Each structure stands twice: as C-alpha cells, then as structure tokens.
C-alpha cells in the first residue's frame, strides 16, 4: 500500500509542477489542465517506471494473498 501511495504522490507532484510551469508560460483554462495532464503522464512514464513496477508488484501480492485466503476458506467449507 505504501508503494501505491508513494507513486500516486509522485504523479500528483509531477502534475502540479507541470501545471505551475504551464501557468507561468501563459496557458489558461482547459488547455492548461490538458497539457499538464499529458506532459505529466509522459514524464511519469519515463521517470517513474521503477516506482510503477513496485506498485504493481505490491498490488499483485495483495491480490495473491486475498485469493489464497479465499481458497483456504473454500477448502475449509468443503471439508465440513
């Protein structure tokens, strides 16, 4: 869960920086938000790959643990 929060915080930070820089450059309204979203997405894809993989691994592990618990519950129910 920490990896997911950390990655999300980094993404939001990149968006905020892009938003601020574009605002200073003169972009306004929907153009400002759209360009900031596109630019921050490209930068995060290139720069945050390591954090994205850590987040994906964390989510995958949590899903595997949940599946194991469900399978254990189903086996216990079947044995009764």
PDB file of N, CA and C in Angstrom:
ATOM      1  N   UNK A   1       0.815  -1.180   0.000  1.00  0.00           N
ATOM      2  CA  UNK A   1       0.000   0.000   0.000  1.00  0.00           C
ATOM      3  C   UNK A   1       0.869   1.259   0.000  1.00  0.00           C
ATOM      4  N   UNK A   2       2.003   1.180   0.649  1.00  0.00           N
ATOM      5  CA  UNK A   2       2.891   2.329   0.692  1.00  0.00           C
ATOM      6  C   UNK A   2       3.417   2.655  -0.699  1.00  0.00           C
ATOM      7  N   UNK A   3       3.716   1.631  -1.490  1.00  0.00           N
ATOM      8  CA  UNK A   3       4.214   1.863  -2.845  1.00  0.00           C
ATOM      9  C   UNK A   3       3.165   2.560  -3.705  1.00  0.00           C
ATOM     10  N   UNK A   4       1.912   2.189  -3.520  1.00  0.00           N
ATOM     11  CA  UNK A   4       0.829   2.810  -4.281  1.00  0.00           C
ATOM     12  C   UNK A   4       0.665   4.274  -3.897  1.00  0.00           C
ATOM     13  N   UNK A   5       0.691   4.555  -2.608  1.00  0.00           N
ATOM     14  CA  UNK A   5       0.571   5.937  -2.153  1.00  0.00           C
ATOM     15  C   UNK A   5       1.761   6.785  -2.603  1.00  0.00           C
ATOM     16  N   UNK A   6       2.951   6.216  -2.537  1.00  0.00           N
ATOM     17  CA  UNK A   6       4.149   6.946  -2.935  1.00  0.00           C
ATOM     18  C   UNK A   6       4.118   7.270  -4.431  1.00  0.00           C
ATOM     19  N   UNK A   7       3.754   6.294  -5.247  1.00  0.00           N
ATOM     20  CA  UNK A   7       3.669   6.518  -6.688  1.00  0.00           C
ATOM     21  C   UNK A   7       2.605   7.563  -7.008  1.00  0.00           C
ATOM     22  N   UNK A   8       1.466   7.463  -6.349  1.00  0.00           N
ATOM     23  CA  UNK A   8       0.388   8.428  -6.584  1.00  0.00           C
ATOM     24  C   UNK A   8       0.810   9.838  -6.185  1.00  0.00           C
ATOM     25  N   UNK A   9       1.524   9.959  -5.075  1.00  0.00           N
ATOM     26  CA  UNK A   9       2.002  11.267  -4.633  1.00  0.00           C
ATOM     27  C   UNK A   9       3.005  11.848  -5.634  1.00  0.00           C
ATOM     28  N   UNK A  10       3.865  10.997  -6.157  1.00  0.00           N
ATOM     29  CA  UNK A  10       4.824  11.462  -7.161  1.00  0.00           C
ATOM     30  C   UNK A  10       4.114  11.914  -8.430  1.00  0.00           C
ATOM     31  N   UNK A  11       3.092  11.164  -8.851  1.00  0.00           N
ATOM     32  CA  UNK A  11       2.308  11.554 -10.038  1.00  0.00           C
ATOM     33  C   UNK A  11       1.623  12.897  -9.833  1.00  0.00           C
ATOM     34  N   UNK A  12       1.010  13.066  -8.664  1.00  0.00           N
ATOM     35  CA  UNK A  12       0.348  14.333  -8.364  1.00  0.00           C
ATOM     36  C   UNK A  12       1.346  15.486  -8.298  1.00  0.00           C
ATOM     37  N   UNK A  13       2.516  15.204  -7.757  1.00  0.00           N
ATOM     38  CA  UNK A  13       3.563  16.228  -7.712  1.00  0.00           C
ATOM     39  C   UNK A  13       4.008  16.647  -9.100  1.00  0.00           C
ATOM     40  N   UNK A  14       4.201  15.670  -9.975  1.00  0.00           N
ATOM     41  CA  UNK A  14       4.571  15.990 -11.355  1.00  0.00           C
ATOM     42  C   UNK A  14       3.486  16.803 -12.048  1.00  0.00           C
ATOM     43  N   UNK A  15       2.233  16.440 -11.803  1.00  0.00           N
ATOM     44  CA  UNK A  15       1.126  17.194 -12.391  1.00  0.00           C
ATOM     45  C   UNK A  15       1.121  18.630 -11.882  1.00  0.00           C
ATOM     46  N   UNK A  16       1.338  18.810 -10.584  1.00  0.00           N
ATOM     47  CA  UNK A  16       1.340  20.148 -10.000  1.00  0.00           C
ATOM     48  C   UNK A  16       2.480  20.997 -10.566  1.00  0.00           C
ATOM     49  N   UNK A  17       3.643  20.401 -10.726  1.00  0.00           N
ATOM     50  CA  UNK A  17       4.778  21.129 -11.289  1.00  0.00           C
ATOM     51  C   UNK A  17       4.493  21.511 -12.735  1.00  0.00           C
ATOM     52  N   UNK A  18       3.979  20.575 -13.512  1.00  0.00           N
ATOM     53  CA  UNK A  18       3.645  20.875 -14.910  1.00  0.00           C
ATOM     54  C   UNK A  18       2.574  21.952 -14.985  1.00  0.00           C
ATOM     55  N   UNK A  19       1.587  21.875 -14.116  1.00  0.00           N
ATOM     56  CA  UNK A  19       0.517  22.869 -14.077  1.00  0.00           C
ATOM     57  C   UNK A  19       1.082  24.251 -13.772  1.00  0.00           C
ATOM     58  N   UNK A  20       1.954  24.323 -12.779  1.00  0.00           N
ATOM     59  CA  UNK A  20       2.560  25.601 -12.407  1.00  0.00           C
ATOM     60  C   UNK A  20       3.413  26.190 -13.509  1.00  0.00           C
ATOM     61  N   UNK A  21       4.226  25.357 -14.134  1.00  0.00           N
ATOM     62  CA  UNK A  21       5.094  25.851 -15.201  1.00  0.00           C
ATOM     63  C   UNK A  21       4.288  26.312 -16.416  1.00  0.00           C
ATOM     64  N   UNK A  22       3.267  25.566 -16.754  1.00  0.00           N
ATOM     65  CA  UNK A  22       2.432  25.972 -17.885  1.00  0.00           C
ATOM     66  C   UNK A  22       1.643  27.236 -17.576  1.00  0.00           C
ATOM     67  N   UNK A  23       1.229  27.398 -16.331  1.00  0.00           N
ATOM     68  CA  UNK A  23       0.530  28.624 -15.941  1.00  0.00           C
ATOM     69  C   UNK A  23       1.457  29.825 -16.087  1.00  0.00           C
ATOM     70  N   UNK A  24       2.701  29.649 -15.640  1.00  0.00           N
ATOM     71  CA  UNK A  24       3.678  30.735 -15.778  1.00  0.00           C
ATOM     72  C   UNK A  24       3.994  31.021 -17.244  1.00  0.00           C
ATOM     73  N   UNK A  25       3.871  29.995 -18.089  1.00  0.00           N
ATOM     74  CA  UNK A  25       4.137  30.169 -19.520  1.00  0.00           C
ATOM     75  C   UNK A  25       2.959  30.815 -20.237  1.00  0.00           C
ATOM     76  N   UNK A  26       1.805  30.928 -19.562  1.00  0.00           N
ATOM     77  CA  UNK A  26       0.689  31.625 -20.164  1.00  0.00           C
ATOM     78  C   UNK A  26      -0.502  30.767 -20.550  1.00  0.00           C
ATOM     79  N   UNK A  27      -0.443  29.480 -20.310  1.00  0.00           N
ATOM     80  CA  UNK A  27      -1.580  28.613 -20.642  1.00  0.00           C
ATOM     81  C   UNK A  27      -2.687  28.842 -19.620  1.00  0.00           C
ATOM     82  N   UNK A  28      -3.930  28.791 -20.069  1.00  0.00           N
ATOM     83  CA  UNK A  28      -5.062  29.015 -19.179  1.00  0.00           C
ATOM     84  C   UNK A  28      -6.191  28.037 -19.491  1.00  0.00           C
ATOM     85  N   UNK A  29      -7.137  27.930 -18.562  1.00  0.00           N
ATOM     86  CA  UNK A  29      -8.367  27.162 -18.682  1.00  0.00           C
ATOM     87  C   UNK A  29      -8.129  25.689 -18.989  1.00  0.00           C
ATOM     88  N   UNK A  30      -8.900  25.141 -19.914  1.00  0.00           N
ATOM     89  CA  UNK A  30      -8.850  23.708 -20.225  1.00  0.00           C
ATOM     90  C   UNK A  30      -7.525  23.325 -20.876  1.00  0.00           C
ATOM     91  N   UNK A  31      -6.940  24.243 -21.618  1.00  0.00           N
ATOM     92  CA  UNK A  31      -5.641  23.990 -22.234  1.00  0.00           C
ATOM     93  C   UNK A  31      -4.575  23.747 -21.171  1.00  0.00           C
ATOM     94  N   UNK A  32      -4.624  24.518 -20.114  1.00  0.00           N
ATOM     95  CA  UNK A  32      -3.672  24.380 -19.023  1.00  0.00           C
ATOM     96  C   UNK A  32      -3.761  22.990 -18.401  1.00  0.00           C
ATOM     97  N   UNK A  33      -4.957  22.570 -18.062  1.00  0.00           N
ATOM     98  CA  UNK A  33      -5.150  21.270 -17.403  1.00  0.00           C
ATOM     99  C   UNK A  33      -4.820  20.125 -18.353  1.00  0.00           C
ATOM    100  N   UNK A  34      -5.245  20.237 -19.612  1.00  0.00           N
ATOM    101  CA  UNK A  34      -4.986  19.179 -20.586  1.00  0.00           C
ATOM    102  C   UNK A  34      -3.507  18.998 -20.869  1.00  0.00           C
ATOM    103  N   UNK A  35      -2.828  20.098 -21.111  1.00  0.00           N
ATOM    104  CA  UNK A  35      -1.383  20.000 -21.365  1.00  0.00           C
ATOM    105  C   UNK A  35      -0.628  19.492 -20.145  1.00  0.00           C
ATOM    106  N   UNK A  36      -1.024  19.948 -18.963  1.00  0.00           N
ATOM    107  CA  UNK A  36      -0.362  19.478 -17.745  1.00  0.00           C
ATOM    108  C   UNK A  36      -0.561  17.980 -17.565  1.00  0.00           C
ATOM    109  N   UNK A  37      -1.752  17.484 -17.864  1.00  0.00           N
ATOM    110  CA  UNK A  37      -2.021  16.046 -17.739  1.00  0.00           C
ATOM    111  C   UNK A  37      -1.177  15.243 -18.720  1.00  0.00           C
ATOM    112  N   UNK A  38      -1.099  15.709 -19.962  1.00  0.00           N
ATOM    113  CA  UNK A  38      -0.326  14.983 -20.978  1.00  0.00           C
ATOM    114  C   UNK A  38       1.164  15.018 -20.651  1.00  0.00           C
ATOM    115  N   UNK A  39       1.665  16.177 -20.312  1.00  0.00           N
ATOM    116  CA  UNK A  39       3.098  16.310 -20.018  1.00  0.00           C
ATOM    117  C   UNK A  39       3.481  15.502 -18.783  1.00  0.00           C
ATOM    118  N   UNK A  40       2.665  15.577 -17.724  1.00  0.00           N
ATOM    119  CA  UNK A  40       2.994  14.824 -16.512  1.00  0.00           C
ATOM    120  C   UNK A  40       2.893  13.317 -16.751  1.00  0.00           C
ATOM    121  N   UNK A  41       1.965  12.887 -17.611  1.00  0.00           N
ATOM    122  CA  UNK A  41       1.851  11.457 -17.917  1.00  0.00           C
ATOM    123  C   UNK A  41       3.090  10.957 -18.667  1.00  0.00           C
ATOM    124  N   UNK A  42       3.559  11.736 -19.620  1.00  0.00           N
ATOM    125  CA  UNK A  42       4.757  11.343 -20.376  1.00  0.00           C
ATOM    126  C   UNK A  42       5.974  11.292 -19.473  1.00  0.00           C
ATOM    127  N   UNK A  43       6.134  12.325 -18.652  1.00  0.00           N
ATOM    128  CA  UNK A  43       7.289  12.355 -17.749  1.00  0.00           C
ATOM    129  C   UNK A  43       7.223  11.212 -16.742  1.00  0.00           C
ATOM    130  N   UNK A  44       6.045  10.954 -16.201  1.00  0.00           N
ATOM    131  CA  UNK A  44       5.934   9.875 -15.217  1.00  0.00           C
ATOM    132  C   UNK A  44       6.178   8.515 -15.852  1.00  0.00           C
ATOM    133  N   UNK A  45       5.763   8.345 -17.100  1.00  0.00           N
ATOM    134  CA  UNK A  45       6.010   7.081 -17.789  1.00  0.00           C
ATOM    135  C   UNK A  45       7.512   6.843 -17.933  1.00  0.00           C
ATOM    136  N   UNK A  46       8.243   7.889 -18.215  1.00  0.00           N
ATOM    137  CA  UNK A  46       9.681   7.759 -18.421  1.00  0.00           C
ATOM    138  C   UNK A  46      10.461   7.710 -17.112  1.00  0.00           C
ATOM    139  N   UNK A  47      10.079   8.534 -16.156  1.00  0.00           N
ATOM    140  CA  UNK A  47      10.884   8.716 -14.951  1.00  0.00           C
ATOM    141  C   UNK A  47      10.470   7.791 -13.808  1.00  0.00           C
ATOM    142  N   UNK A  48       9.201   7.484 -13.711  1.00  0.00           N
ATOM    143  CA  UNK A  48       8.701   6.741 -12.553  1.00  0.00           C
ATOM    144  C   UNK A  48       8.486   5.255 -12.817  1.00  0.00           C
ATOM    145  N   UNK A  49       9.163   4.694 -13.771  1.00  0.00           N
ATOM    146  CA  UNK A  49       8.973   3.278 -14.116  1.00  0.00           C
ATOM    147  C   UNK A  49       9.282   2.364 -12.927  1.00  0.00           C
ATOM    148  N   UNK A  50      10.330   2.675 -12.202  1.00  0.00           N
ATOM    149  CA  UNK A  50      10.733   1.835 -11.065  1.00  0.00           C
ATOM    150  C   UNK A  50       9.639   1.837  -9.995  1.00  0.00           C
ATOM    151  N   UNK A  51       9.081   2.993  -9.718  1.00  0.00           N
ATOM    152  CA  UNK A  51       8.033   3.103  -8.713  1.00  0.00           C
ATOM    153  C   UNK A  51       6.732   2.450  -9.187  1.00  0.00           C
ATOM    154  N   UNK A  52       6.461   2.557 -10.477  1.00  0.00           N
ATOM    155  CA  UNK A  52       5.261   1.928 -11.037  1.00  0.00           C
ATOM    156  C   UNK A  52       5.360   0.411 -10.929  1.00  0.00           C
ATOM    157  N   UNK A  53       6.526  -0.140 -11.185  1.00  0.00           N
ATOM    158  CA  UNK A  53       6.721  -1.582 -11.065  1.00  0.00           C
ATOM    159  C   UNK A  53       6.602  -2.048  -9.612  1.00  0.00           C
ATOM    160  N   UNK A  54       7.116  -1.237  -8.684  1.00  0.00           N
ATOM    161  CA  UNK A  54       6.992  -1.566  -7.267  1.00  0.00           C
ATOM    162  C   UNK A  54       5.528  -1.554  -6.852  1.00  0.00           C
ATOM    163  N   UNK A  55       4.780  -0.586  -7.352  1.00  0.00           N
ATOM    164  CA  UNK A  55       3.358  -0.506  -7.042  1.00  0.00           C
ATOM    165  C   UNK A  55       2.623  -1.711  -7.618  1.00  0.00           C
ATOM    166  N   UNK A  56       2.924  -2.071  -8.858  1.00  0.00           N
ATOM    167  CA  UNK A  56       2.273  -3.218  -9.495  1.00  0.00           C
ATOM    168  C   UNK A  56       2.585  -4.509  -8.737  1.00  0.00           C
ATOM    169  N   UNK A  57       3.804  -4.658  -8.291  1.00  0.00           N
ATOM    170  CA  UNK A  57       4.182  -5.837  -7.508  1.00  0.00           C
ATOM    171  C   UNK A  57       3.440  -5.899  -6.181  1.00  0.00           C
ATOM    172  N   UNK A  58       3.287  -4.756  -5.552  1.00  0.00           N
ATOM    173  CA  UNK A  58       2.566  -4.687  -4.284  1.00  0.00           C
ATOM    174  C   UNK A  58       1.103  -5.062  -4.468  1.00  0.00           C
ATOM    175  N   UNK A  59       0.477  -4.542  -5.509  1.00  0.00           N
ATOM    176  CA  UNK A  59      -0.926  -4.858  -5.780  1.00  0.00           C
ATOM    177  C   UNK A  59      -1.085  -6.329  -6.126  1.00  0.00           C
ATOM    178  N   UNK A  60      -0.172  -6.852  -6.925  1.00  0.00           N
ATOM    179  CA  UNK A  60      -0.224  -8.261  -7.303  1.00  0.00           C
ATOM    180  C   UNK A  60      -0.083  -9.165  -6.079  1.00  0.00           C
ATOM    181  N   UNK A  61       0.784  -8.799  -5.166  1.00  0.00           N
ATOM    182  CA  UNK A  61       0.972  -9.588  -3.947  1.00  0.00           C
ATOM    183  C   UNK A  61      -0.292  -9.574  -3.090  1.00  0.00           C
ATOM    184  N   UNK A  62      -0.921  -8.417  -2.972  1.00  0.00           N
ATOM    185  CA  UNK A  62      -2.150  -8.334  -2.179  1.00  0.00           C
ATOM    186  C   UNK A  62      -3.264  -9.168  -2.801  1.00  0.00           C
ATOM    187  N   UNK A  63      -3.351  -9.174  -4.122  1.00  0.00           N
ATOM    188  CA  UNK A  63      -4.364  -9.978  -4.804  1.00  0.00           C
ATOM    189  C   UNK A  63      -4.096 -11.465  -4.591  1.00  0.00           C
ATOM    190  N   UNK A  64      -2.833 -11.867  -4.679  1.00  0.00           N
ATOM    191  CA  UNK A  64      -2.473 -13.274  -4.455  1.00  0.00           C
ATOM    192  C   UNK A  64      -2.824 -13.708  -3.032  1.00  0.00           C
ATOM    193  N   UNK A  65      -2.539 -12.836  -2.072  1.00  0.00           N
ATOM    194  CA  UNK A  65      -2.870 -13.168  -0.676  1.00  0.00           C
ATOM    195  C   UNK A  65      -4.374 -13.303  -0.490  1.00  0.00           C
ATOM    196  N   UNK A  66      -5.141 -12.427  -1.101  1.00  0.00           N
ATOM    197  CA  UNK A  66      -6.593 -12.496  -0.987  1.00  0.00           C
ATOM    198  C   UNK A  66      -7.122 -13.772  -1.626  1.00  0.00           C
ATOM    199  N   UNK A  67      -6.579 -14.145  -2.763  1.00  0.00           N
ATOM    200  CA  UNK A  67      -7.012 -15.381  -3.432  1.00  0.00           C
ATOM    201  C   UNK A  67      -6.696 -16.602  -2.578  1.00  0.00           C
ATOM    202  N   UNK A  68      -5.517 -16.612  -1.942  1.00  0.00           N
ATOM    203  CA  UNK A  68      -5.147 -17.727  -1.082  1.00  0.00           C
ATOM    204  C   UNK A  68      -6.111 -17.852   0.090  1.00  0.00           C
ATOM    205  N   UNK A  69      -6.479 -16.707   0.686  1.00  0.00           N
ATOM    206  CA  UNK A  69      -7.423 -16.750   1.809  1.00  0.00           C
ATOM    207  C   UNK A  69      -8.782 -17.258   1.354  1.00  0.00           C
ATOM    208  N   UNK A  70      -9.219 -16.837   0.181  1.00  0.00           N
ATOM    209  CA  UNK A  70     -10.495 -17.323  -0.344  1.00  0.00           C
ATOM    210  C   UNK A  70     -10.450 -18.823  -0.611  1.00  0.00           C
ATOM    211  N   UNK A  71      -9.341 -19.284  -1.192  1.00  0.00           N
ATOM    212  CA  UNK A  71      -9.199 -20.718  -1.456  1.00  0.00           C
ATOM    213  C   UNK A  71      -9.180 -21.518  -0.158  1.00  0.00           C
ATOM    214  N   UNK A  72      -8.492 -20.997   0.862  1.00  0.00           N
ATOM    215  CA  UNK A  72      -8.465 -21.690   2.151  1.00  0.00           C
ATOM    216  C   UNK A  72      -9.869 -21.767   2.740  1.00  0.00           C
ATOM    217  N   UNK A  73     -10.612 -20.683   2.643  1.00  0.00           N
ATOM    218  CA  UNK A  73     -11.977 -20.681   3.154  1.00  0.00           C
ATOM    219  C   UNK A  73     -12.868 -21.666   2.406  1.00  0.00           C
ATOM    220  N   UNK A  74     -12.694 -21.729   1.108  1.00  0.00           N
ATOM    221  CA  UNK A  74     -13.486 -22.664   0.293  1.00  0.00           C
ATOM    222  C   UNK A  74     -13.111 -24.104   0.638  1.00  0.00           C
ATOM    223  N   UNK A  75     -11.840 -24.399   0.845  1.00  0.00           N
ATOM    224  CA  UNK A  75     -11.432 -25.754   1.213  1.00  0.00           C
ATOM    225  C   UNK A  75     -11.969 -26.135   2.582  1.00  0.00           C
ATOM    226  N   UNK A  76     -11.926 -25.190   3.520  1.00  0.00           N
ATOM    227  CA  UNK A  76     -12.449 -25.468   4.858  1.00  0.00           C
ATOM    228  C   UNK A  76     -13.956 -25.703   4.803  1.00  0.00           C
ATOM    229  N   UNK A  77     -14.640 -24.943   3.987  1.00  0.00           N
ATOM    230  CA  UNK A  77     -16.083 -25.118   3.848  1.00  0.00           C
ATOM    231  C   UNK A  77     -16.417 -26.443   3.192  1.00  0.00           C
ATOM    232  N   UNK A  78     -15.629 -26.849   2.208  1.00  0.00           N
ATOM    233  CA  UNK A  78     -15.867 -28.114   1.529  1.00  0.00           C
ATOM    234  C   UNK A  78     -15.592 -29.310   2.440  1.00  0.00           C
ATOM    235  N   UNK A  79     -14.615 -29.192   3.320  1.00  0.00           N
ATOM    236  CA  UNK A  79     -14.276 -30.318   4.196  1.00  0.00           C
ATOM    237  C   UNK A  79     -15.340 -30.516   5.277  1.00  0.00           C
ATOM    238  N   UNK A  80     -16.084 -29.472   5.592  1.00  0.00           N
ATOM    239  CA  UNK A  80     -17.136 -29.613   6.606  1.00  0.00           C
ATOM    240  C   UNK A  80     -18.309 -30.235   5.985  1.00  0.00           C
TER     241      UNK A  80
END
